[in-house]
Amino acid sequence: MMKLNHFVILGMTLVVSSEVATGVVGNTLLNAVNPSTNLNGIAVAQTRPATRPGVFVAGEKPTSGTARIINVNGQRYIEFDSSFKTSEQGPDLHVILDTSQKPPQSYQNSNGYVNLGKLHKFNGTQRYPIPAAINLANFKSVVIWCRMANATFGYATLGGTSNASAQ
């Protein structure tokens, strides 16, 4: 049986268990699975500040929601929020980072973008790891791209960088 502890921080409830801790304070999302820090039997969540948020806009298909770069235990991710949604008409959708703020409708060569992998699902929260060798300062947008049709379904222009996330 899982024991839950509740805390109120600035009007927000933080639910902490021995397995999961979640909550939001300002623009920082707290979420840790099996938290390792323990203070008097209370698990403490590790923070992962969201940086460079961007709002999705339609390309070839309706696409909405927000993307942001997060850092969890030294691993960077592109994370889509719960309001993310794109068309289910793409047979081969991928998530890519592009060097331009407004990516092309179709790609003529593989220069200028990094493919982070297949889209996990057409809507809802999801996360894609960013390889450590990628310098995020060079990338200006995240794109939902149909590889089979070579079509940009939608994209989000990423906001300004911070020193910690741009490396």
N, C-alpha and C. Protein backbone atom coordinates (compact mmCIF):
# COMPACT_ATOMS: atom_id res chain seq x y z
N MET A 1 0.85 -1.18 0.00
CA MET A 1 0.00 0.00 0.00
C MET A 1 0.89 1.24 0.00
N MET A 2 0.57 2.20 -0.86
CA MET A 2 1.38 3.39 -1.03
C MET A 2 0.93 4.48 -0.05
N LYS A 3 1.89 5.06 0.66
CA LYS A 3 1.61 6.15 1.59
C LYS A 3 1.80 7.47 0.86
N LEU A 4 0.82 8.37 0.93
CA LEU A 4 0.89 9.68 0.28
C LEU A 4 1.04 10.76 1.32
N ASN A 5 1.86 11.74 1.01
CA ASN A 5 2.01 12.93 1.84
C ASN A 5 1.61 14.12 1.00
N HIS A 6 0.87 15.05 1.55
CA HIS A 6 0.45 16.25 0.83
C HIS A 6 1.10 17.47 1.46
N PHE A 7 1.55 18.38 0.61
CA PHE A 7 2.11 19.64 1.05
C PHE A 7 1.43 20.75 0.27
N VAL A 8 1.26 21.90 0.89
CA VAL A 8 0.73 23.06 0.18
C VAL A 8 1.86 24.06 0.05
N ILE A 9 2.21 24.40 -1.19
CA ILE A 9 3.28 25.34 -1.48
C ILE A 9 2.70 26.44 -2.35
N LEU A 10 2.63 27.66 -1.85
CA LEU A 10 2.11 28.79 -2.62
C LEU A 10 0.76 28.46 -3.25
N GLY A 11 -0.14 27.85 -2.49
CA GLY A 11 -1.48 27.56 -2.99
C GLY A 11 -1.55 26.34 -3.88
N MET A 12 -0.48 25.56 -4.01
CA MET A 12 -0.45 24.38 -4.86
C MET A 12 -0.24 23.16 -3.97
N THR A 13 -0.93 22.09 -4.25
CA THR A 13 -0.74 20.87 -3.49
C THR A 13 0.29 20.00 -4.18
N LEU A 14 1.27 19.55 -3.42
CA LEU A 14 2.29 18.64 -3.92
C LEU A 14 2.03 17.29 -3.28
N VAL A 15 1.76 16.28 -4.10
CA VAL A 15 1.50 14.94 -3.60
C VAL A 15 2.79 14.15 -3.73
N VAL A 16 3.24 13.59 -2.62
CA VAL A 16 4.50 12.87 -2.62
C VAL A 16 4.26 11.46 -2.09
N SER A 17 4.72 10.47 -2.82
CA SER A 17 4.66 9.09 -2.37
C SER A 17 6.05 8.50 -2.44
N SER A 18 6.19 7.25 -2.08
CA SER A 18 7.49 6.60 -2.19
C SER A 18 7.83 6.29 -3.63
N GLU A 19 6.85 6.43 -4.54
CA GLU A 19 7.10 6.11 -5.94
C GLU A 19 7.08 7.31 -6.86
N VAL A 20 6.18 8.28 -6.64
CA VAL A 20 6.05 9.40 -7.56
C VAL A 20 5.78 10.68 -6.78
N ALA A 21 6.40 11.77 -7.22
CA ALA A 21 6.14 13.08 -6.66
C ALA A 21 5.84 14.01 -7.82
N THR A 22 4.72 14.74 -7.76
CA THR A 22 4.38 15.65 -8.85
C THR A 22 3.84 16.96 -8.30
N GLY A 23 3.97 18.00 -9.09
CA GLY A 23 3.43 19.31 -8.74
C GLY A 23 4.01 20.37 -9.64
N VAL A 24 3.49 21.59 -9.57
CA VAL A 24 4.00 22.69 -10.37
C VAL A 24 4.16 23.90 -9.46
N VAL A 25 5.31 24.54 -9.52
CA VAL A 25 5.55 25.78 -8.79
C VAL A 25 6.07 26.77 -9.82
N GLY A 26 5.31 27.82 -10.10
CA GLY A 26 5.69 28.77 -11.14
C GLY A 26 5.75 28.04 -12.47
N ASN A 27 6.90 28.15 -13.17
CA ASN A 27 7.03 27.43 -14.44
C ASN A 27 7.87 26.17 -14.27
N THR A 28 8.09 25.74 -13.01
CA THR A 28 8.87 24.54 -12.76
C THR A 28 7.95 23.38 -12.45
N LEU A 29 8.06 22.33 -13.23
CA LEU A 29 7.29 21.13 -13.04
C LEU A 29 8.10 20.19 -12.16
N LEU A 30 7.49 19.72 -11.08
CA LEU A 30 8.15 18.76 -10.21
C LEU A 30 7.58 17.40 -10.56
N ASN A 31 8.45 16.43 -10.83
CA ASN A 31 7.99 15.11 -11.18
C ASN A 31 9.16 14.16 -11.08
N ALA A 32 9.12 13.27 -10.15
CA ALA A 32 10.22 12.32 -10.02
C ALA A 32 9.65 10.94 -9.76
N VAL A 33 10.17 9.94 -10.44
CA VAL A 33 9.79 8.57 -10.20
C VAL A 33 10.84 7.96 -9.28
N ASN A 34 10.39 7.29 -8.23
CA ASN A 34 11.30 6.73 -7.23
C ASN A 34 12.31 7.78 -6.76
N PRO A 35 11.84 8.87 -6.17
CA PRO A 35 12.77 9.91 -5.73
C PRO A 35 13.83 9.33 -4.81
N SER A 36 15.06 9.79 -4.98
CA SER A 36 16.16 9.23 -4.21
C SER A 36 16.43 10.02 -2.92
N THR A 37 16.00 11.26 -2.87
CA THR A 37 16.25 12.08 -1.69
C THR A 37 15.15 11.85 -0.68
N ASN A 38 15.49 11.66 0.55
CA ASN A 38 14.53 11.36 1.58
C ASN A 38 14.84 12.21 2.81
N LEU A 39 13.89 13.00 3.27
CA LEU A 39 14.05 13.81 4.46
C LEU A 39 13.05 13.34 5.50
N ASN A 40 13.53 12.70 6.53
CA ASN A 40 12.66 12.17 7.58
C ASN A 40 11.52 11.33 7.02
N GLY A 41 11.82 10.47 6.07
CA GLY A 41 10.81 9.58 5.51
C GLY A 41 9.96 10.21 4.43
N ILE A 42 10.23 11.46 4.05
CA ILE A 42 9.43 12.15 3.03
C ILE A 42 10.24 12.25 1.75
N ALA A 43 9.72 11.69 0.68
CA ALA A 43 10.42 11.75 -0.60
C ALA A 43 10.40 13.17 -1.14
N VAL A 44 11.51 13.61 -1.70
CA VAL A 44 11.61 14.96 -2.25
C VAL A 44 11.77 14.88 -3.76
N ALA A 45 10.95 15.60 -4.49
CA ALA A 45 11.00 15.58 -5.95
C ALA A 45 12.19 16.37 -6.46
N GLN A 46 12.74 15.93 -7.58
CA GLN A 46 13.80 16.67 -8.24
C GLN A 46 13.14 17.63 -9.23
N THR A 47 13.62 18.87 -9.30
CA THR A 47 12.99 19.84 -10.19
C THR A 47 13.55 19.71 -11.59
N ARG A 48 12.73 20.10 -12.55
CA ARG A 48 13.17 20.16 -13.94
C ARG A 48 12.53 21.39 -14.57
N PRO A 49 13.26 22.51 -14.56
CA PRO A 49 12.68 23.74 -15.10
C PRO A 49 12.45 23.64 -16.60
N ALA A 50 11.29 24.13 -17.02
CA ALA A 50 10.96 24.15 -18.44
C ALA A 50 11.59 25.39 -19.07
N THR A 51 12.20 25.21 -20.24
CA THR A 51 12.84 26.33 -20.93
C THR A 51 12.42 26.35 -22.38
N ARG A 52 12.55 27.52 -22.98
CA ARG A 52 12.29 27.73 -24.40
C ARG A 52 10.92 27.22 -24.86
N PRO A 53 9.84 27.53 -24.16
CA PRO A 53 8.53 27.04 -24.60
C PRO A 53 8.13 27.64 -25.94
N GLY A 54 7.36 26.88 -26.69
CA GLY A 54 6.83 27.33 -27.97
C GLY A 54 5.45 26.75 -28.20
N VAL A 55 4.60 27.50 -28.88
CA VAL A 55 3.23 27.08 -29.15
C VAL A 55 3.15 26.54 -30.58
N PHE A 56 2.55 25.36 -30.73
CA PHE A 56 2.42 24.76 -32.06
C PHE A 56 1.43 25.55 -32.92
N VAL A 57 1.77 25.66 -34.19
CA VAL A 57 0.89 26.24 -35.20
C VAL A 57 0.74 25.23 -36.33
N ALA A 58 -0.33 25.35 -37.06
CA ALA A 58 -0.59 24.42 -38.16
C ALA A 58 0.36 24.64 -39.32
N GLY A 59 0.74 23.55 -39.95
CA GLY A 59 1.46 23.58 -41.22
C GLY A 59 0.49 23.02 -42.25
N GLU A 60 0.73 21.79 -42.69
CA GLU A 60 -0.17 21.11 -43.62
C GLU A 60 -1.44 20.63 -42.94
N LYS A 61 -1.38 20.41 -41.63
CA LYS A 61 -2.53 19.89 -40.86
C LYS A 61 -2.67 20.66 -39.56
N PRO A 62 -3.87 20.68 -38.98
CA PRO A 62 -4.05 21.35 -37.68
C PRO A 62 -3.15 20.71 -36.61
N THR A 63 -2.40 21.54 -35.92
CA THR A 63 -1.52 21.09 -34.84
C THR A 63 -1.57 22.15 -33.75
N SER A 64 -1.73 21.73 -32.50
CA SER A 64 -1.83 22.69 -31.40
C SER A 64 -1.17 22.12 -30.15
N GLY A 65 -1.03 22.98 -29.15
CA GLY A 65 -0.40 22.60 -27.89
C GLY A 65 0.90 23.35 -27.71
N THR A 66 1.66 22.94 -26.70
CA THR A 66 2.91 23.60 -26.37
C THR A 66 4.04 22.59 -26.28
N ALA A 67 5.20 22.99 -26.75
CA ALA A 67 6.42 22.19 -26.61
C ALA A 67 7.40 22.98 -25.77
N ARG A 68 8.21 22.29 -25.00
CA ARG A 68 9.25 22.94 -24.20
C ARG A 68 10.41 21.99 -24.04
N ILE A 69 11.55 22.55 -23.72
CA ILE A 69 12.73 21.76 -23.44
C ILE A 69 12.83 21.63 -21.93
N ILE A 70 13.01 20.41 -21.46
CA ILE A 70 13.17 20.17 -20.03
C ILE A 70 14.46 19.40 -19.80
N ASN A 71 14.92 19.41 -18.57
CA ASN A 71 16.12 18.69 -18.18
C ASN A 71 15.78 17.85 -16.97
N VAL A 72 15.94 16.53 -17.08
CA VAL A 72 15.68 15.62 -15.98
C VAL A 72 16.95 14.83 -15.72
N ASN A 73 17.53 15.04 -14.55
CA ASN A 73 18.75 14.33 -14.16
C ASN A 73 19.83 14.41 -15.23
N GLY A 74 20.00 15.58 -15.84
CA GLY A 74 21.04 15.78 -16.83
C GLY A 74 20.68 15.39 -18.25
N GLN A 75 19.53 14.74 -18.46
CA GLN A 75 19.07 14.38 -19.81
C GLN A 75 18.06 15.43 -20.27
N ARG A 76 18.28 15.97 -21.48
CA ARG A 76 17.36 16.96 -22.04
C ARG A 76 16.29 16.27 -22.88
N TYR A 77 15.10 16.85 -22.85
CA TYR A 77 13.97 16.31 -23.60
C TYR A 77 13.18 17.45 -24.24
N ILE A 78 12.53 17.15 -25.37
CA ILE A 78 11.43 17.97 -25.86
C ILE A 78 10.20 17.36 -25.26
N GLU A 79 9.38 18.16 -24.61
CA GLU A 79 8.16 17.65 -23.99
C GLU A 79 6.96 18.41 -24.55
N PHE A 80 5.93 17.67 -24.95
CA PHE A 80 4.67 18.25 -25.39
C PHE A 80 3.71 18.22 -24.21
N ASP A 81 2.91 19.28 -24.06
CA ASP A 81 1.98 19.33 -22.94
C ASP A 81 0.72 18.52 -23.24
N SER A 82 -0.17 18.48 -22.27
CA SER A 82 -1.39 17.67 -22.40
C SER A 82 -2.34 18.18 -23.47
N SER A 83 -2.19 19.45 -23.89
CA SER A 83 -3.08 19.99 -24.93
C SER A 83 -2.54 19.74 -26.34
N PHE A 84 -1.38 19.08 -26.47
CA PHE A 84 -0.83 18.80 -27.80
C PHE A 84 -1.79 17.92 -28.60
N LYS A 85 -1.94 18.29 -29.89
CA LYS A 85 -2.79 17.51 -30.78
C LYS A 85 -2.36 17.78 -32.22
N THR A 86 -2.31 16.72 -33.03
CA THR A 86 -2.05 16.86 -34.45
C THR A 86 -2.93 15.88 -35.21
N SER A 87 -2.96 16.00 -36.52
CA SER A 87 -3.80 15.16 -37.36
C SER A 87 -3.38 13.69 -37.30
N GLU A 88 -4.35 12.81 -37.33
CA GLU A 88 -4.10 11.38 -37.37
C GLU A 88 -3.90 10.87 -38.79
N GLN A 89 -3.85 11.77 -39.76
CA GLN A 89 -3.74 11.36 -41.16
C GLN A 89 -2.31 11.06 -41.59
N GLY A 90 -1.35 11.27 -40.73
CA GLY A 90 0.04 11.02 -41.09
C GLY A 90 0.44 9.57 -40.81
N PRO A 91 0.89 8.86 -41.82
CA PRO A 91 1.27 7.47 -41.60
C PRO A 91 2.66 7.30 -41.00
N ASP A 92 3.49 8.33 -41.05
CA ASP A 92 4.89 8.20 -40.64
C ASP A 92 5.37 9.51 -40.02
N LEU A 93 4.72 9.91 -38.91
CA LEU A 93 5.03 11.20 -38.29
C LEU A 93 6.26 11.09 -37.40
N HIS A 94 7.12 12.12 -37.50
CA HIS A 94 8.34 12.20 -36.71
C HIS A 94 8.42 13.55 -36.02
N VAL A 95 9.21 13.62 -34.96
CA VAL A 95 9.48 14.86 -34.24
C VAL A 95 10.90 15.27 -34.60
N ILE A 96 11.05 16.47 -35.14
CA ILE A 96 12.38 16.93 -35.52
C ILE A 96 12.66 18.32 -34.94
N LEU A 97 13.93 18.58 -34.70
CA LEU A 97 14.40 19.92 -34.34
C LEU A 97 14.92 20.56 -35.61
N ASP A 98 14.53 21.80 -35.86
CA ASP A 98 14.94 22.50 -37.08
C ASP A 98 15.72 23.76 -36.71
N THR A 99 16.66 24.14 -37.57
CA THR A 99 17.48 25.32 -37.31
C THR A 99 16.76 26.63 -37.62
N SER A 100 15.63 26.57 -38.32
CA SER A 100 14.90 27.81 -38.66
C SER A 100 13.70 28.00 -37.73
N GLN A 101 13.28 29.27 -37.58
CA GLN A 101 12.11 29.56 -36.76
C GLN A 101 10.83 29.10 -37.45
N LYS A 102 10.81 29.21 -38.78
CA LYS A 102 9.65 28.74 -39.54
C LYS A 102 10.17 27.69 -40.53
N PRO A 103 9.99 26.42 -40.19
CA PRO A 103 10.53 25.36 -41.04
C PRO A 103 9.82 25.28 -42.38
N PRO A 104 10.47 24.64 -43.37
CA PRO A 104 9.86 24.54 -44.70
C PRO A 104 8.66 23.59 -44.70
N GLN A 105 7.81 23.72 -45.73
CA GLN A 105 6.68 22.81 -45.87
C GLN A 105 7.14 21.39 -46.18
N SER A 106 8.27 21.28 -46.86
CA SER A 106 8.88 19.98 -47.14
C SER A 106 10.39 20.15 -47.12
N TYR A 107 11.10 19.06 -46.86
CA TYR A 107 12.55 19.10 -46.75
C TYR A 107 13.20 18.56 -48.01
N GLN A 108 14.19 19.30 -48.53
CA GLN A 108 14.90 18.89 -49.73
C GLN A 108 16.16 18.11 -49.42
N ASN A 109 16.74 18.31 -48.23
CA ASN A 109 17.93 17.55 -47.81
C ASN A 109 17.89 17.40 -46.30
N SER A 110 18.81 16.63 -45.78
CA SER A 110 18.80 16.35 -44.34
C SER A 110 19.62 17.35 -43.53
N ASN A 111 20.13 18.40 -44.16
CA ASN A 111 20.85 19.44 -43.42
C ASN A 111 19.85 20.37 -42.74
N GLY A 112 20.19 20.83 -41.56
CA GLY A 112 19.35 21.81 -40.88
C GLY A 112 18.33 21.23 -39.92
N TYR A 113 18.28 19.92 -39.78
CA TYR A 113 17.36 19.36 -38.79
C TYR A 113 17.92 18.08 -38.18
N VAL A 114 17.37 17.72 -37.02
CA VAL A 114 17.72 16.48 -36.33
C VAL A 114 16.42 15.74 -36.05
N ASN A 115 16.34 14.49 -36.46
CA ASN A 115 15.16 13.66 -36.24
C ASN A 115 15.27 13.03 -34.86
N LEU A 116 14.29 13.33 -33.98
CA LEU A 116 14.27 12.78 -32.62
C LEU A 116 13.49 11.48 -32.54
N GLY A 117 12.89 11.06 -33.65
CA GLY A 117 12.17 9.78 -33.65
C GLY A 117 10.71 9.92 -34.03
N LYS A 118 10.05 8.77 -34.09
CA LYS A 118 8.63 8.72 -34.46
C LYS A 118 7.77 9.35 -33.37
N LEU A 119 6.70 10.02 -33.81
CA LEU A 119 5.72 10.58 -32.88
C LEU A 119 5.08 9.43 -32.11
N HIS A 120 5.04 9.52 -30.78
CA HIS A 120 4.48 8.45 -29.95
C HIS A 120 2.97 8.32 -30.10
N LYS A 121 2.29 9.47 -30.10
CA LYS A 121 0.82 9.47 -30.21
C LYS A 121 0.36 10.81 -30.76
N PHE A 122 -0.84 10.86 -31.27
CA PHE A 122 -1.35 12.05 -31.95
C PHE A 122 -1.78 13.16 -31.00
N ASN A 123 -1.92 12.86 -29.72
CA ASN A 123 -2.30 13.90 -28.76
C ASN A 123 -1.80 13.56 -27.38
N GLY A 124 -1.74 14.59 -26.54
CA GLY A 124 -1.38 14.42 -25.14
C GLY A 124 0.10 14.59 -24.86
N THR A 125 0.41 14.49 -23.57
CA THR A 125 1.76 14.68 -23.07
C THR A 125 2.67 13.57 -23.57
N GLN A 126 3.85 13.95 -24.02
CA GLN A 126 4.86 13.01 -24.47
C GLN A 126 6.22 13.67 -24.45
N ARG A 127 7.26 12.86 -24.48
CA ARG A 127 8.62 13.36 -24.30
C ARG A 127 9.57 12.63 -25.25
N TYR A 128 10.55 13.40 -25.79
CA TYR A 128 11.54 12.88 -26.73
C TYR A 128 12.94 13.27 -26.27
N PRO A 129 13.84 12.30 -26.04
CA PRO A 129 15.20 12.64 -25.60
C PRO A 129 15.98 13.37 -26.68
N ILE A 130 16.77 14.34 -26.24
CA ILE A 130 17.64 15.11 -27.13
C ILE A 130 19.06 14.61 -26.92
N PRO A 131 19.74 14.12 -27.96
CA PRO A 131 21.11 13.64 -27.79
C PRO A 131 22.02 14.70 -27.17
N ALA A 132 22.93 14.27 -26.31
CA ALA A 132 23.83 15.18 -25.60
C ALA A 132 24.70 15.99 -26.55
N ALA A 133 25.02 15.47 -27.72
CA ALA A 133 25.90 16.16 -28.66
C ALA A 133 25.21 17.33 -29.38
N ILE A 134 23.91 17.45 -29.24
CA ILE A 134 23.16 18.51 -29.91
C ILE A 134 23.31 19.83 -29.16
N ASN A 135 23.75 20.88 -29.86
CA ASN A 135 23.82 22.22 -29.29
C ASN A 135 22.48 22.89 -29.57
N LEU A 136 21.65 22.99 -28.55
CA LEU A 136 20.29 23.53 -28.73
C LEU A 136 20.26 24.98 -29.17
N ALA A 137 21.35 25.71 -28.98
CA ALA A 137 21.39 27.10 -29.43
C ALA A 137 21.25 27.18 -30.95
N ASN A 138 21.55 26.10 -31.66
CA ASN A 138 21.45 26.08 -33.12
C ASN A 138 20.05 25.78 -33.64
N PHE A 139 19.14 25.38 -32.77
CA PHE A 139 17.81 24.94 -33.21
C PHE A 139 16.72 25.89 -32.72
N LYS A 140 15.86 26.28 -33.64
CA LYS A 140 14.87 27.32 -33.36
C LYS A 140 13.43 26.81 -33.29
N SER A 141 13.18 25.57 -33.75
CA SER A 141 11.80 25.07 -33.73
C SER A 141 11.76 23.56 -33.59
N VAL A 142 10.63 23.07 -33.13
CA VAL A 142 10.35 21.64 -33.10
C VAL A 142 9.20 21.40 -34.09
N VAL A 143 9.32 20.34 -34.89
CA VAL A 143 8.43 20.12 -36.02
C VAL A 143 7.79 18.75 -35.95
N ILE A 144 6.51 18.68 -36.29
CA ILE A 144 5.84 17.40 -36.52
C ILE A 144 5.88 17.21 -38.03
N TRP A 145 6.61 16.20 -38.48
CA TRP A 145 6.91 16.01 -39.90
C TRP A 145 6.48 14.63 -40.35
N CYS A 146 5.76 14.57 -41.46
CA CYS A 146 5.39 13.30 -42.07
C CYS A 146 6.51 12.92 -43.05
N ARG A 147 7.28 11.92 -42.66
CA ARG A 147 8.42 11.52 -43.50
C ARG A 147 7.95 10.95 -44.83
N MET A 148 6.89 10.14 -44.82
CA MET A 148 6.42 9.51 -46.05
C MET A 148 5.95 10.53 -47.08
N ALA A 149 5.23 11.55 -46.64
CA ALA A 149 4.72 12.59 -47.55
C ALA A 149 5.66 13.79 -47.63
N ASN A 150 6.72 13.80 -46.83
CA ASN A 150 7.64 14.93 -46.74
C ASN A 150 6.86 16.23 -46.53
N ALA A 151 6.05 16.23 -45.47
CA ALA A 151 5.18 17.38 -45.18
C ALA A 151 5.28 17.78 -43.72
N THR A 152 5.40 19.08 -43.48
CA THR A 152 5.39 19.63 -42.13
C THR A 152 3.94 19.76 -41.69
N PHE A 153 3.53 18.93 -40.73
CA PHE A 153 2.16 18.99 -40.22
C PHE A 153 1.96 20.23 -39.36
N GLY A 154 2.95 20.55 -38.54
CA GLY A 154 2.88 21.72 -37.67
C GLY A 154 4.22 21.91 -37.00
N TYR A 155 4.39 23.06 -36.35
CA TYR A 155 5.67 23.35 -35.69
C TYR A 155 5.45 24.35 -34.57
N ALA A 156 6.43 24.37 -33.66
CA ALA A 156 6.45 25.34 -32.57
C ALA A 156 7.81 26.03 -32.60
N THR A 157 7.80 27.36 -32.70
CA THR A 157 9.05 28.12 -32.61
C THR A 157 9.44 28.17 -31.14
N LEU A 158 10.66 27.74 -30.86
CA LEU A 158 11.13 27.69 -29.48
C LEU A 158 11.58 29.07 -29.03
N GLY A 159 11.30 29.40 -27.77
CA GLY A 159 11.66 30.70 -27.23
C GLY A 159 13.15 30.82 -27.00
N GLY A 160 13.57 31.90 -26.35
CA GLY A 160 14.99 32.18 -26.12
C GLY A 160 15.66 31.11 -25.29
N THR A 161 16.98 31.02 -25.40
CA THR A 161 17.75 30.01 -24.69
C THR A 161 18.17 30.51 -23.34
N SER A 162 18.45 29.57 -22.48
CA SER A 162 19.14 29.90 -21.23
C SER A 162 20.47 29.17 -21.29
N ASN A 163 21.46 29.63 -20.55
CA ASN A 163 22.78 29.02 -20.60
C ASN A 163 22.74 27.53 -20.28
N ALA A 164 21.90 27.13 -19.35
CA ALA A 164 21.86 25.74 -18.93
C ALA A 164 21.25 24.84 -20.00
N SER A 165 20.28 25.32 -20.73
CA SER A 165 19.61 24.45 -21.68
C SER A 165 20.21 24.49 -23.07
N ALA A 166 20.97 25.48 -23.39
CA ALA A 166 21.47 25.65 -24.75
C ALA A 166 22.74 24.85 -25.03
N GLN A 167 23.32 24.27 -24.03
CA GLN A 167 24.58 23.52 -24.22
C GLN A 167 24.32 22.16 -24.81
